[in-house]
């Protein structure tokens, strides 16, 4: 048995005019705090309806359209930053090992001095 789809009965998707902060966060994958911050900085436009803050959906779409595309250059920048961070971490660990080695040498030298003076 085949299902018959009546094209005239398809319900069109209605785009909302405004969303609550919570619904905007769900729709964008952001936290409520990030949504509020974007309202404060003017990236999202909002209106007050009593105590509720409603985010204008068109401003959310405009902000999303302005985001950069993920590309190989973005990945390369991320990889460079990660490599630099790992190099810095390696330098810090080497310095910590050197400091610990010097501390052990100094403790050994003091022990030898005390033993020699007795």
Foldseek 3Di string as FASTA:
>chain_A
DDDDDDPVPDDDDDDDQWAFLVVLCVVVVHDSVVSVVCCVVVLWPWDDDPPTIITGVVSVVVSVVPDDDDDVVNVVVVVVVVVVVVVVVVVVVVVVVVVVVVVVVVVVVVVVVVVVVD
